[in-house]
Amino acid sequence: MKKEWCQMRADMKNRSALLFVLGVVVFIFGCATKIQHSDVIADSTSKLEKNQIVYIALAGDGHYGGKAYPGSGVQVSHFIGGGIKPYVQKTIVANAPASTEAILASAKDSGARYAFVPVISNWEPRAAAWSGIPTRVSISIAIHDVSTGQEVMLRKIDVKGRAMTFVSQSADELAKVAIYEFCANIF
């Protein structure tokens, strides 16, 4: 009887240890923020010329589930400006969203070499700390050569925040990290 009890207790310890290890693995992988960059036009080895004047279009505000997130477009455009600032001579951020033709005309009038045109396709802030559902952000950034009007790069950025976390990540925080990473790799 004592031998069976000892064996049963040892099995329970092994199961407890296994459950603990599985829990740690799930927690670690659930806590990772994932950023994915997808090149639609050009590849990640294409670089822009440094020390140029850059015009940044104002992105429209992000939406999710029928709800708009006012100010998200302004934030995205300013994150691009902050991300490219070390690599350019000057940045000019538009005051209002506009068509591509109007953006290129304004960029040309400003003497810009490149026009950055961001579009927010998904802005999904979540309270992952209590819901377990991660915050998600998707942004496309088209870069035009102003002199030719040619789109020289189009990058789609998808960010998925941590699902298991003690503190929720904001959509703007995730967007900023992803945009700064993108900007550091294009010059």
N, C-alpha and C. Protein backbone atom coordinates (compact mmCIF):
# COMPACT_ATOMS: atom_id res chain seq x y z
N MET A 1 0.81 -1.19 0.00
CA MET A 1 0.00 0.00 0.00
C MET A 1 0.87 1.27 0.00
N LYS A 2 1.92 1.25 0.84
CA LYS A 2 2.80 2.41 0.94
C LYS A 2 3.52 2.64 -0.39
N LYS A 3 3.90 1.54 -1.06
CA LYS A 3 4.59 1.63 -2.34
C LYS A 3 3.68 2.27 -3.39
N GLU A 4 2.41 1.90 -3.43
CA GLU A 4 1.45 2.47 -4.37
C GLU A 4 1.25 3.96 -4.10
N TRP A 5 1.18 4.32 -2.85
CA TRP A 5 1.01 5.72 -2.46
C TRP A 5 2.20 6.55 -2.93
N CYS A 6 3.40 6.03 -2.73
CA CYS A 6 4.61 6.74 -3.15
C CYS A 6 4.65 6.89 -4.67
N GLN A 7 4.26 5.84 -5.39
CA GLN A 7 4.23 5.89 -6.84
C GLN A 7 3.21 6.92 -7.34
N MET A 8 2.02 6.93 -6.71
CA MET A 8 0.97 7.88 -7.09
C MET A 8 1.42 9.31 -6.82
N ARG A 9 2.10 9.51 -5.72
CA ARG A 9 2.58 10.85 -5.37
C ARG A 9 3.65 11.32 -6.36
N ALA A 10 4.54 10.41 -6.76
CA ALA A 10 5.58 10.73 -7.74
C ALA A 10 4.94 11.08 -9.09
N ASP A 11 3.92 10.34 -9.50
CA ASP A 11 3.21 10.64 -10.74
C ASP A 11 2.57 12.02 -10.69
N MET A 12 1.99 12.39 -9.55
CA MET A 12 1.36 13.70 -9.40
C MET A 12 2.40 14.81 -9.49
N LYS A 13 3.58 14.60 -8.91
CA LYS A 13 4.65 15.59 -8.98
C LYS A 13 5.09 15.78 -10.43
N ASN A 14 5.23 14.66 -11.16
CA ASN A 14 5.62 14.75 -12.57
C ASN A 14 4.57 15.49 -13.39
N ARG A 15 3.32 15.20 -13.14
CA ARG A 15 2.24 15.89 -13.86
C ARG A 15 2.23 17.37 -13.52
N SER A 16 2.42 17.69 -12.26
CA SER A 16 2.45 19.10 -11.84
C SER A 16 3.60 19.84 -12.51
N ALA A 17 4.77 19.19 -12.55
CA ALA A 17 5.94 19.80 -13.19
C ALA A 17 5.67 20.01 -14.68
N LEU A 18 5.07 19.01 -15.33
CA LEU A 18 4.75 19.13 -16.75
C LEU A 18 3.76 20.26 -17.01
N LEU A 19 2.73 20.34 -16.20
CA LEU A 19 1.75 21.43 -16.34
C LEU A 19 2.40 22.78 -16.13
N PHE A 20 3.30 22.88 -15.17
CA PHE A 20 4.00 24.14 -14.92
C PHE A 20 4.83 24.54 -16.13
N VAL A 21 5.59 23.59 -16.68
CA VAL A 21 6.42 23.87 -17.85
C VAL A 21 5.55 24.28 -19.04
N LEU A 22 4.46 23.59 -19.28
CA LEU A 22 3.55 23.96 -20.37
C LEU A 22 2.97 25.35 -20.15
N GLY A 23 2.61 25.65 -18.92
CA GLY A 23 2.08 26.98 -18.61
C GLY A 23 3.09 28.07 -18.89
N VAL A 24 4.36 27.85 -18.54
CA VAL A 24 5.42 28.83 -18.80
C VAL A 24 5.61 29.01 -20.30
N VAL A 25 5.62 27.93 -21.05
CA VAL A 25 5.79 28.00 -22.51
C VAL A 25 4.64 28.79 -23.14
N VAL A 26 3.41 28.50 -22.75
CA VAL A 26 2.26 29.22 -23.30
C VAL A 26 2.34 30.69 -22.93
N PHE A 27 2.73 30.99 -21.70
CA PHE A 27 2.83 32.38 -21.27
C PHE A 27 3.88 33.13 -22.07
N ILE A 28 5.04 32.50 -22.27
CA ILE A 28 6.13 33.15 -23.01
C ILE A 28 5.72 33.42 -24.45
N PHE A 29 5.14 32.44 -25.12
CA PHE A 29 4.75 32.65 -26.52
C PHE A 29 3.53 33.55 -26.64
N GLY A 30 2.68 33.58 -25.64
CA GLY A 30 1.52 34.47 -25.64
C GLY A 30 1.88 35.90 -25.35
N CYS A 31 3.08 36.13 -24.81
CA CYS A 31 3.51 37.47 -24.43
C CYS A 31 4.33 38.16 -25.51
N ALA A 32 4.54 37.54 -26.63
CA ALA A 32 5.37 38.13 -27.67
C ALA A 32 4.55 39.01 -28.59
N THR A 33 5.07 40.20 -28.87
CA THR A 33 4.47 41.08 -29.86
C THR A 33 5.03 40.68 -31.21
N LYS A 34 4.17 40.54 -32.20
CA LYS A 34 4.61 40.11 -33.53
C LYS A 34 4.42 41.26 -34.52
N ILE A 35 5.51 41.60 -35.22
CA ILE A 35 5.46 42.64 -36.25
C ILE A 35 5.84 41.98 -37.57
N GLN A 36 5.00 42.15 -38.57
CA GLN A 36 5.27 41.57 -39.88
C GLN A 36 5.25 42.67 -40.93
N HIS A 37 6.34 42.76 -41.71
CA HIS A 37 6.43 43.70 -42.81
C HIS A 37 6.31 42.92 -44.11
N SER A 38 5.43 43.36 -44.99
CA SER A 38 5.27 42.70 -46.28
C SER A 38 5.47 43.72 -47.38
N ASP A 39 6.44 43.45 -48.26
CA ASP A 39 6.68 44.35 -49.38
C ASP A 39 5.74 43.99 -50.52
N VAL A 40 5.01 44.98 -50.98
CA VAL A 40 4.11 44.79 -52.11
C VAL A 40 4.80 45.28 -53.38
N ILE A 41 5.46 46.43 -53.28
CA ILE A 41 6.25 46.97 -54.39
C ILE A 41 7.66 47.17 -53.86
N ALA A 42 8.65 46.76 -54.59
CA ALA A 42 10.07 46.79 -54.22
C ALA A 42 10.31 45.74 -53.15
N ASP A 43 11.54 45.51 -52.85
CA ASP A 43 11.83 44.54 -51.80
C ASP A 43 12.56 45.23 -50.66
N SER A 44 12.78 44.50 -49.58
CA SER A 44 13.34 45.11 -48.39
C SER A 44 14.80 45.55 -48.57
N THR A 45 15.42 45.21 -49.71
CA THR A 45 16.79 45.65 -49.95
C THR A 45 16.81 47.01 -50.66
N SER A 46 15.68 47.47 -51.19
CA SER A 46 15.61 48.79 -51.84
C SER A 46 15.71 49.87 -50.77
N LYS A 47 16.54 50.86 -51.04
CA LYS A 47 16.73 51.94 -50.07
C LYS A 47 16.41 53.28 -50.71
N LEU A 48 15.95 54.21 -49.88
CA LEU A 48 15.69 55.57 -50.33
C LEU A 48 16.94 56.43 -50.10
N GLU A 49 17.05 57.49 -50.89
CA GLU A 49 18.18 58.42 -50.71
C GLU A 49 18.01 59.20 -49.42
N LYS A 50 19.10 59.35 -48.69
CA LYS A 50 19.08 60.11 -47.44
C LYS A 50 19.18 61.60 -47.74
N ASN A 51 18.95 62.41 -46.72
CA ASN A 51 19.09 63.88 -46.76
C ASN A 51 18.21 64.54 -47.80
N GLN A 52 17.01 64.02 -47.97
CA GLN A 52 16.05 64.59 -48.90
C GLN A 52 14.90 65.25 -48.11
N ILE A 53 14.11 66.05 -48.78
CA ILE A 53 12.90 66.61 -48.18
C ILE A 53 11.79 65.59 -48.42
N VAL A 54 11.02 65.29 -47.36
CA VAL A 54 9.97 64.27 -47.45
C VAL A 54 8.64 64.87 -47.03
N TYR A 55 7.62 64.59 -47.83
CA TYR A 55 6.25 65.03 -47.55
C TYR A 55 5.48 63.82 -47.04
N ILE A 56 4.79 63.99 -45.93
CA ILE A 56 4.02 62.89 -45.33
C ILE A 56 2.55 63.24 -45.36
N ALA A 57 1.79 62.43 -46.06
CA ALA A 57 0.33 62.65 -46.14
C ALA A 57 -0.29 62.33 -44.78
N LEU A 58 -1.40 62.96 -44.50
CA LEU A 58 -2.13 62.69 -43.26
C LEU A 58 -3.02 61.48 -43.49
N ALA A 59 -2.81 60.44 -42.68
CA ALA A 59 -3.62 59.22 -42.80
C ALA A 59 -5.03 59.47 -42.26
N GLY A 60 -6.00 58.81 -42.87
CA GLY A 60 -7.35 58.84 -42.31
C GLY A 60 -7.36 58.05 -41.01
N ASP A 61 -8.27 58.34 -40.12
CA ASP A 61 -8.34 57.66 -38.83
C ASP A 61 -8.66 56.18 -39.00
N GLY A 62 -8.12 55.37 -38.09
CA GLY A 62 -8.37 53.94 -38.11
C GLY A 62 -9.75 53.60 -37.58
N HIS A 63 -10.25 52.45 -38.00
CA HIS A 63 -11.58 51.96 -37.60
C HIS A 63 -11.47 50.51 -37.19
N TYR A 64 -12.40 50.09 -36.35
CA TYR A 64 -12.57 48.67 -36.06
C TYR A 64 -13.98 48.47 -35.53
N GLY A 65 -14.66 47.49 -36.09
CA GLY A 65 -16.00 47.16 -35.62
C GLY A 65 -16.98 48.31 -35.70
N GLY A 66 -16.85 49.14 -36.73
CA GLY A 66 -17.77 50.26 -36.91
C GLY A 66 -17.44 51.48 -36.06
N LYS A 67 -16.38 51.40 -35.27
CA LYS A 67 -16.00 52.53 -34.41
C LYS A 67 -14.73 53.17 -34.96
N ALA A 68 -14.76 54.51 -35.06
CA ALA A 68 -13.59 55.25 -35.51
C ALA A 68 -12.74 55.62 -34.30
N TYR A 69 -11.45 55.72 -34.51
CA TYR A 69 -10.52 56.12 -33.45
C TYR A 69 -9.89 57.44 -33.83
N PRO A 70 -10.56 58.55 -33.44
CA PRO A 70 -10.09 59.88 -33.82
C PRO A 70 -8.66 60.15 -33.36
N GLY A 71 -7.91 60.75 -34.25
CA GLY A 71 -6.52 61.10 -33.95
C GLY A 71 -5.52 60.03 -34.32
N SER A 72 -5.99 58.82 -34.63
CA SER A 72 -5.06 57.75 -34.96
C SER A 72 -4.31 58.05 -36.27
N GLY A 73 -4.97 58.68 -37.22
CA GLY A 73 -4.32 59.04 -38.48
C GLY A 73 -3.22 60.07 -38.28
N VAL A 74 -3.50 61.06 -37.45
CA VAL A 74 -2.49 62.09 -37.14
C VAL A 74 -1.29 61.43 -36.46
N GLN A 75 -1.56 60.52 -35.51
CA GLN A 75 -0.48 59.84 -34.81
C GLN A 75 0.40 59.06 -35.78
N VAL A 76 -0.21 58.30 -36.67
CA VAL A 76 0.55 57.49 -37.62
C VAL A 76 1.43 58.38 -38.49
N SER A 77 0.89 59.47 -39.00
CA SER A 77 1.67 60.38 -39.84
C SER A 77 2.83 61.00 -39.06
N HIS A 78 2.60 61.35 -37.82
CA HIS A 78 3.67 61.93 -36.99
C HIS A 78 4.70 60.87 -36.58
N PHE A 79 4.27 59.61 -36.40
CA PHE A 79 5.23 58.54 -36.12
C PHE A 79 6.17 58.36 -37.31
N ILE A 80 5.63 58.44 -38.53
CA ILE A 80 6.49 58.34 -39.72
C ILE A 80 7.49 59.49 -39.72
N GLY A 81 7.01 60.70 -39.44
CA GLY A 81 7.90 61.86 -39.38
C GLY A 81 9.01 61.68 -38.35
N GLY A 82 8.66 61.16 -37.18
CA GLY A 82 9.66 60.93 -36.15
C GLY A 82 10.62 59.82 -36.52
N GLY A 83 10.11 58.80 -37.20
CA GLY A 83 10.95 57.67 -37.58
C GLY A 83 11.96 58.00 -38.66
N ILE A 84 11.60 58.89 -39.60
CA ILE A 84 12.53 59.21 -40.69
C ILE A 84 13.39 60.44 -40.41
N LYS A 85 13.09 61.16 -39.36
CA LYS A 85 13.80 62.41 -39.05
C LYS A 85 15.32 62.28 -39.07
N PRO A 86 15.90 61.20 -38.51
CA PRO A 86 17.37 61.10 -38.54
C PRO A 86 17.96 60.93 -39.93
N TYR A 87 17.14 60.58 -40.90
CA TYR A 87 17.65 60.23 -42.23
C TYR A 87 17.36 61.28 -43.30
N VAL A 88 16.53 62.26 -43.00
CA VAL A 88 16.11 63.23 -44.02
C VAL A 88 16.51 64.65 -43.64
N GLN A 89 16.47 65.50 -44.65
CA GLN A 89 16.80 66.91 -44.45
C GLN A 89 15.66 67.63 -43.73
N LYS A 90 14.42 67.30 -44.16
CA LYS A 90 13.25 67.99 -43.62
C LYS A 90 12.01 67.14 -43.86
N THR A 91 11.08 67.18 -42.91
CA THR A 91 9.79 66.51 -43.10
C THR A 91 8.68 67.55 -43.09
N ILE A 92 7.70 67.32 -43.93
CA ILE A 92 6.51 68.17 -44.00
C ILE A 92 5.31 67.25 -43.86
N VAL A 93 4.49 67.49 -42.85
CA VAL A 93 3.30 66.66 -42.63
C VAL A 93 2.07 67.45 -43.08
N ALA A 94 1.24 66.81 -43.88
CA ALA A 94 0.02 67.45 -44.40
C ALA A 94 -0.94 67.78 -43.26
N ASN A 95 -1.83 68.73 -43.52
CA ASN A 95 -2.82 69.16 -42.52
C ASN A 95 -4.12 68.37 -42.57
N ALA A 96 -4.40 67.75 -43.73
CA ALA A 96 -5.67 67.04 -43.90
C ALA A 96 -5.47 65.90 -44.90
N PRO A 97 -6.27 64.84 -44.77
CA PRO A 97 -6.19 63.77 -45.77
C PRO A 97 -6.54 64.30 -47.16
N ALA A 98 -5.94 63.70 -48.19
CA ALA A 98 -6.19 64.15 -49.56
C ALA A 98 -6.00 62.98 -50.51
N SER A 99 -6.37 63.20 -51.76
CA SER A 99 -6.17 62.18 -52.80
C SER A 99 -4.68 62.08 -53.13
N THR A 100 -4.31 60.99 -53.77
CA THR A 100 -2.90 60.81 -54.14
C THR A 100 -2.42 61.93 -55.05
N GLU A 101 -3.27 62.35 -55.99
CA GLU A 101 -2.88 63.43 -56.91
C GLU A 101 -2.63 64.73 -56.15
N ALA A 102 -3.51 65.05 -55.20
CA ALA A 102 -3.34 66.27 -54.39
C ALA A 102 -2.11 66.17 -53.50
N ILE A 103 -1.85 64.98 -52.97
CA ILE A 103 -0.66 64.77 -52.13
C ILE A 103 0.61 65.01 -52.96
N LEU A 104 0.65 64.42 -54.15
CA LEU A 104 1.83 64.60 -55.01
C LEU A 104 2.01 66.05 -55.43
N ALA A 105 0.93 66.75 -55.71
CA ALA A 105 1.01 68.17 -56.07
C ALA A 105 1.55 68.99 -54.90
N SER A 106 1.04 68.74 -53.71
CA SER A 106 1.53 69.47 -52.51
C SER A 106 2.98 69.14 -52.24
N ALA A 107 3.35 67.88 -52.42
CA ALA A 107 4.74 67.47 -52.20
C ALA A 107 5.66 68.17 -53.19
N LYS A 108 5.22 68.26 -54.44
CA LYS A 108 6.03 68.93 -55.48
C LYS A 108 6.19 70.42 -55.16
N ASP A 109 5.08 71.06 -54.74
CA ASP A 109 5.13 72.48 -54.37
C ASP A 109 6.06 72.71 -53.17
N SER A 110 6.21 71.71 -52.31
CA SER A 110 7.07 71.82 -51.12
C SER A 110 8.52 71.49 -51.42
N GLY A 111 8.79 71.04 -52.63
CA GLY A 111 10.16 70.69 -53.01
C GLY A 111 10.59 69.33 -52.47
N ALA A 112 9.64 68.48 -52.17
CA ALA A 112 9.96 67.17 -51.60
C ALA A 112 10.43 66.19 -52.66
N ARG A 113 11.29 65.28 -52.27
CA ARG A 113 11.75 64.21 -53.15
C ARG A 113 10.82 63.01 -53.06
N TYR A 114 10.35 62.71 -51.84
CA TYR A 114 9.48 61.56 -51.61
C TYR A 114 8.19 62.00 -50.94
N ALA A 115 7.12 61.27 -51.24
CA ALA A 115 5.84 61.47 -50.56
C ALA A 115 5.45 60.14 -49.92
N PHE A 116 5.24 60.16 -48.62
CA PHE A 116 4.80 58.97 -47.88
C PHE A 116 3.29 59.06 -47.72
N VAL A 117 2.59 58.00 -48.10
CA VAL A 117 1.13 57.99 -48.04
C VAL A 117 0.69 56.79 -47.17
N PRO A 118 0.42 57.05 -45.88
CA PRO A 118 -0.01 55.96 -45.01
C PRO A 118 -1.53 55.74 -45.06
N VAL A 119 -1.94 54.48 -44.94
CA VAL A 119 -3.35 54.13 -44.88
C VAL A 119 -3.52 53.11 -43.75
N ILE A 120 -4.40 53.43 -42.81
CA ILE A 120 -4.69 52.51 -41.71
C ILE A 120 -5.83 51.60 -42.16
N SER A 121 -5.56 50.29 -42.25
CA SER A 121 -6.62 49.37 -42.65
C SER A 121 -7.26 48.65 -41.46
N ASN A 122 -6.57 48.64 -40.32
CA ASN A 122 -7.15 48.04 -39.11
C ASN A 122 -6.54 48.70 -37.88
N TRP A 123 -7.38 49.13 -36.97
CA TRP A 123 -6.95 49.77 -35.72
C TRP A 123 -7.83 49.15 -34.64
N GLU A 124 -7.31 48.09 -34.02
CA GLU A 124 -8.12 47.26 -33.13
C GLU A 124 -7.54 47.25 -31.71
N PRO A 125 -7.82 48.29 -30.93
CA PRO A 125 -7.31 48.30 -29.56
C PRO A 125 -8.11 47.33 -28.68
N ARG A 126 -7.39 46.54 -27.90
CA ARG A 126 -8.03 45.57 -27.02
C ARG A 126 -7.42 45.66 -25.62
N ALA A 127 -8.17 45.24 -24.65
CA ALA A 127 -7.68 45.18 -23.27
C ALA A 127 -7.18 43.76 -23.01
N ALA A 128 -6.01 43.44 -23.55
CA ALA A 128 -5.48 42.07 -23.47
C ALA A 128 -5.21 41.64 -22.04
N ALA A 129 -4.98 42.59 -21.14
CA ALA A 129 -4.67 42.24 -19.76
C ALA A 129 -5.80 41.44 -19.11
N TRP A 130 -7.02 41.73 -19.47
CA TRP A 130 -8.14 40.98 -18.87
C TRP A 130 -8.90 40.13 -19.88
N SER A 131 -8.79 40.43 -21.18
CA SER A 131 -9.58 39.67 -22.16
C SER A 131 -8.78 38.55 -22.83
N GLY A 132 -7.46 38.70 -22.87
CA GLY A 132 -6.64 37.71 -23.57
C GLY A 132 -6.67 37.88 -25.08
N ILE A 133 -7.33 38.93 -25.57
CA ILE A 133 -7.41 39.20 -27.01
C ILE A 133 -6.40 40.30 -27.33
N PRO A 134 -5.46 40.03 -28.23
CA PRO A 134 -4.40 41.01 -28.49
C PRO A 134 -4.88 42.20 -29.33
N THR A 135 -4.22 43.33 -29.11
CA THR A 135 -4.41 44.52 -29.93
C THR A 135 -3.78 44.25 -31.28
N ARG A 136 -4.44 44.72 -32.35
CA ARG A 136 -3.93 44.53 -33.72
C ARG A 136 -3.97 45.85 -34.47
N VAL A 137 -2.95 46.06 -35.30
CA VAL A 137 -2.86 47.25 -36.14
C VAL A 137 -2.34 46.83 -37.50
N SER A 138 -2.96 47.34 -38.57
CA SER A 138 -2.47 47.12 -39.93
C SER A 138 -2.39 48.46 -40.65
N ILE A 139 -1.23 48.74 -41.19
CA ILE A 139 -0.98 50.01 -41.88
C ILE A 139 -0.23 49.72 -43.17
N SER A 140 -0.63 50.38 -44.25
CA SER A 140 0.11 50.31 -45.50
C SER A 140 0.75 51.67 -45.72
N ILE A 141 2.01 51.67 -46.12
CA ILE A 141 2.70 52.93 -46.39
C ILE A 141 3.23 52.87 -47.82
N ALA A 142 2.69 53.73 -48.67
CA ALA A 142 3.16 53.85 -50.05
C ALA A 142 4.15 55.02 -50.10
N ILE A 143 5.24 54.81 -50.79
CA ILE A 143 6.24 55.87 -50.95
C ILE A 143 6.35 56.18 -52.44
N HIS A 144 6.14 57.45 -52.76
CA HIS A 144 6.18 57.90 -54.16
C HIS A 144 7.41 58.77 -54.40
N ASP A 145 8.00 58.61 -55.58
CA ASP A 145 9.02 59.54 -56.05
C ASP A 145 8.24 60.72 -56.62
N VAL A 146 8.36 61.87 -56.00
CA VAL A 146 7.53 63.03 -56.37
C VAL A 146 7.81 63.49 -57.80
N SER A 147 9.06 63.45 -58.24
CA SER A 147 9.38 63.95 -59.58
C SER A 147 8.72 63.14 -60.69
N THR A 148 8.56 61.84 -60.49
CA THR A 148 7.96 60.98 -61.52
C THR A 148 6.52 60.59 -61.19
N GLY A 149 6.14 60.71 -59.92
CA GLY A 149 4.82 60.27 -59.49
C GLY A 149 4.76 58.76 -59.30
N GLN A 150 5.87 58.08 -59.56
CA GLN A 150 5.96 56.62 -59.47
C GLN A 150 5.96 56.16 -58.02
N GLU A 151 5.20 55.10 -57.75
CA GLU A 151 5.23 54.48 -56.42
C GLU A 151 6.46 53.59 -56.37
N VAL A 152 7.42 53.93 -55.50
CA VAL A 152 8.68 53.19 -55.46
C VAL A 152 8.69 52.11 -54.39
N MET A 153 7.80 52.21 -53.42
CA MET A 153 7.74 51.21 -52.36
C MET A 153 6.34 51.20 -51.77
N LEU A 154 5.87 50.02 -51.46
CA LEU A 154 4.60 49.87 -50.75
C LEU A 154 4.81 48.79 -49.71
N ARG A 155 4.72 49.17 -48.46
CA ARG A 155 4.96 48.22 -47.36
C ARG A 155 3.70 48.09 -46.53
N LYS A 156 3.31 46.86 -46.28
CA LYS A 156 2.18 46.57 -45.41
C LYS A 156 2.75 46.12 -44.07
N ILE A 157 2.32 46.77 -43.02
CA ILE A 157 2.80 46.48 -41.67
C ILE A 157 1.64 45.94 -40.85
N ASP A 158 1.79 44.72 -40.35
CA ASP A 158 0.79 44.11 -39.48
C ASP A 158 1.42 43.88 -38.12
N VAL A 159 0.74 44.35 -37.08
CA VAL A 159 1.24 44.19 -35.72
C VAL A 159 0.18 43.51 -34.88
N LYS A 160 0.61 42.52 -34.13
CA LYS A 160 -0.27 41.83 -33.20
C LYS A 160 0.38 41.90 -31.83
N GLY A 161 -0.31 42.52 -30.88
CA GLY A 161 0.22 42.66 -29.53
C GLY A 161 0.19 41.36 -28.77
N ARG A 162 0.62 41.43 -27.54
CA ARG A 162 0.65 40.25 -26.68
C ARG A 162 -0.76 39.87 -26.26
N ALA A 163 -1.04 38.58 -26.26
CA ALA A 163 -2.35 38.09 -25.81
C ALA A 163 -2.36 37.91 -24.30
N MET A 164 -1.24 37.50 -23.76
CA MET A 164 -1.14 37.29 -22.31
C MET A 164 -0.20 38.34 -21.75
N THR A 165 -0.74 39.28 -21.03
CA THR A 165 0.06 40.36 -20.49
C THR A 165 -0.61 40.91 -19.24
N PHE A 166 0.18 41.54 -18.41
CA PHE A 166 -0.37 42.15 -17.21
C PHE A 166 -0.81 43.59 -17.49
N VAL A 167 -0.25 44.17 -18.54
CA VAL A 167 -0.57 45.54 -18.92
C VAL A 167 -0.96 45.54 -20.40
N SER A 168 -2.09 46.10 -20.73
CA SER A 168 -2.54 46.15 -22.13
C SER A 168 -1.64 47.06 -22.95
N GLN A 169 -1.44 46.69 -24.22
CA GLN A 169 -0.68 47.52 -25.15
C GLN A 169 -1.66 48.35 -25.95
N SER A 170 -1.34 49.62 -26.14
CA SER A 170 -2.23 50.47 -26.93
C SER A 170 -1.89 50.30 -28.41
N ALA A 171 -2.88 50.57 -29.24
CA ALA A 171 -2.68 50.47 -30.69
C ALA A 171 -1.63 51.48 -31.16
N ASP A 172 -1.64 52.68 -30.58
CA ASP A 172 -0.66 53.68 -31.01
C ASP A 172 0.76 53.29 -30.58
N GLU A 173 0.91 52.66 -29.45
CA GLU A 173 2.22 52.18 -29.01
C GLU A 173 2.76 51.12 -29.97
N LEU A 174 1.91 50.18 -30.36
CA LEU A 174 2.33 49.15 -31.31
C LEU A 174 2.65 49.75 -32.68
N ALA A 175 1.82 50.69 -33.13
CA ALA A 175 2.05 51.34 -34.43
C ALA A 175 3.39 52.08 -34.42
N LYS A 176 3.67 52.79 -33.35
CA LYS A 176 4.93 53.56 -33.27
C LYS A 176 6.14 52.64 -33.39
N VAL A 177 6.16 51.56 -32.63
CA VAL A 177 7.28 50.62 -32.67
C VAL A 177 7.47 50.07 -34.09
N ALA A 178 6.38 49.64 -34.71
CA ALA A 178 6.46 49.05 -36.05
C ALA A 178 6.90 50.08 -37.09
N ILE A 179 6.39 51.30 -37.01
CA ILE A 179 6.74 52.35 -37.97
C ILE A 179 8.21 52.75 -37.82
N TYR A 180 8.68 52.90 -36.60
CA TYR A 180 10.08 53.25 -36.39
C TYR A 180 11.00 52.15 -36.93
N GLU A 181 10.61 50.90 -36.75
CA GLU A 181 11.38 49.77 -37.28
C GLU A 181 11.41 49.85 -38.81
N PHE A 182 10.25 50.12 -39.41
CA PHE A 182 10.16 50.26 -40.86
C PHE A 182 11.07 51.39 -41.36
N CYS A 183 11.00 52.55 -40.71
CA CYS A 183 11.78 53.72 -41.13
C CYS A 183 13.29 53.47 -41.04
N ALA A 184 13.70 52.74 -40.04
CA ALA A 184 15.13 52.46 -39.86
C ALA A 184 15.68 51.57 -40.96
N ASN A 185 14.82 50.86 -41.65
CA ASN A 185 15.27 49.90 -42.67
C ASN A 185 15.12 50.37 -44.10
N ILE A 186 14.60 51.56 -44.34
CA ILE A 186 14.36 51.98 -45.72
C ILE A 186 15.39 53.01 -46.22
N PHE A 187 16.26 53.48 -45.35
CA PHE A 187 17.29 54.45 -45.77
C PHE A 187 18.67 53.82 -45.69
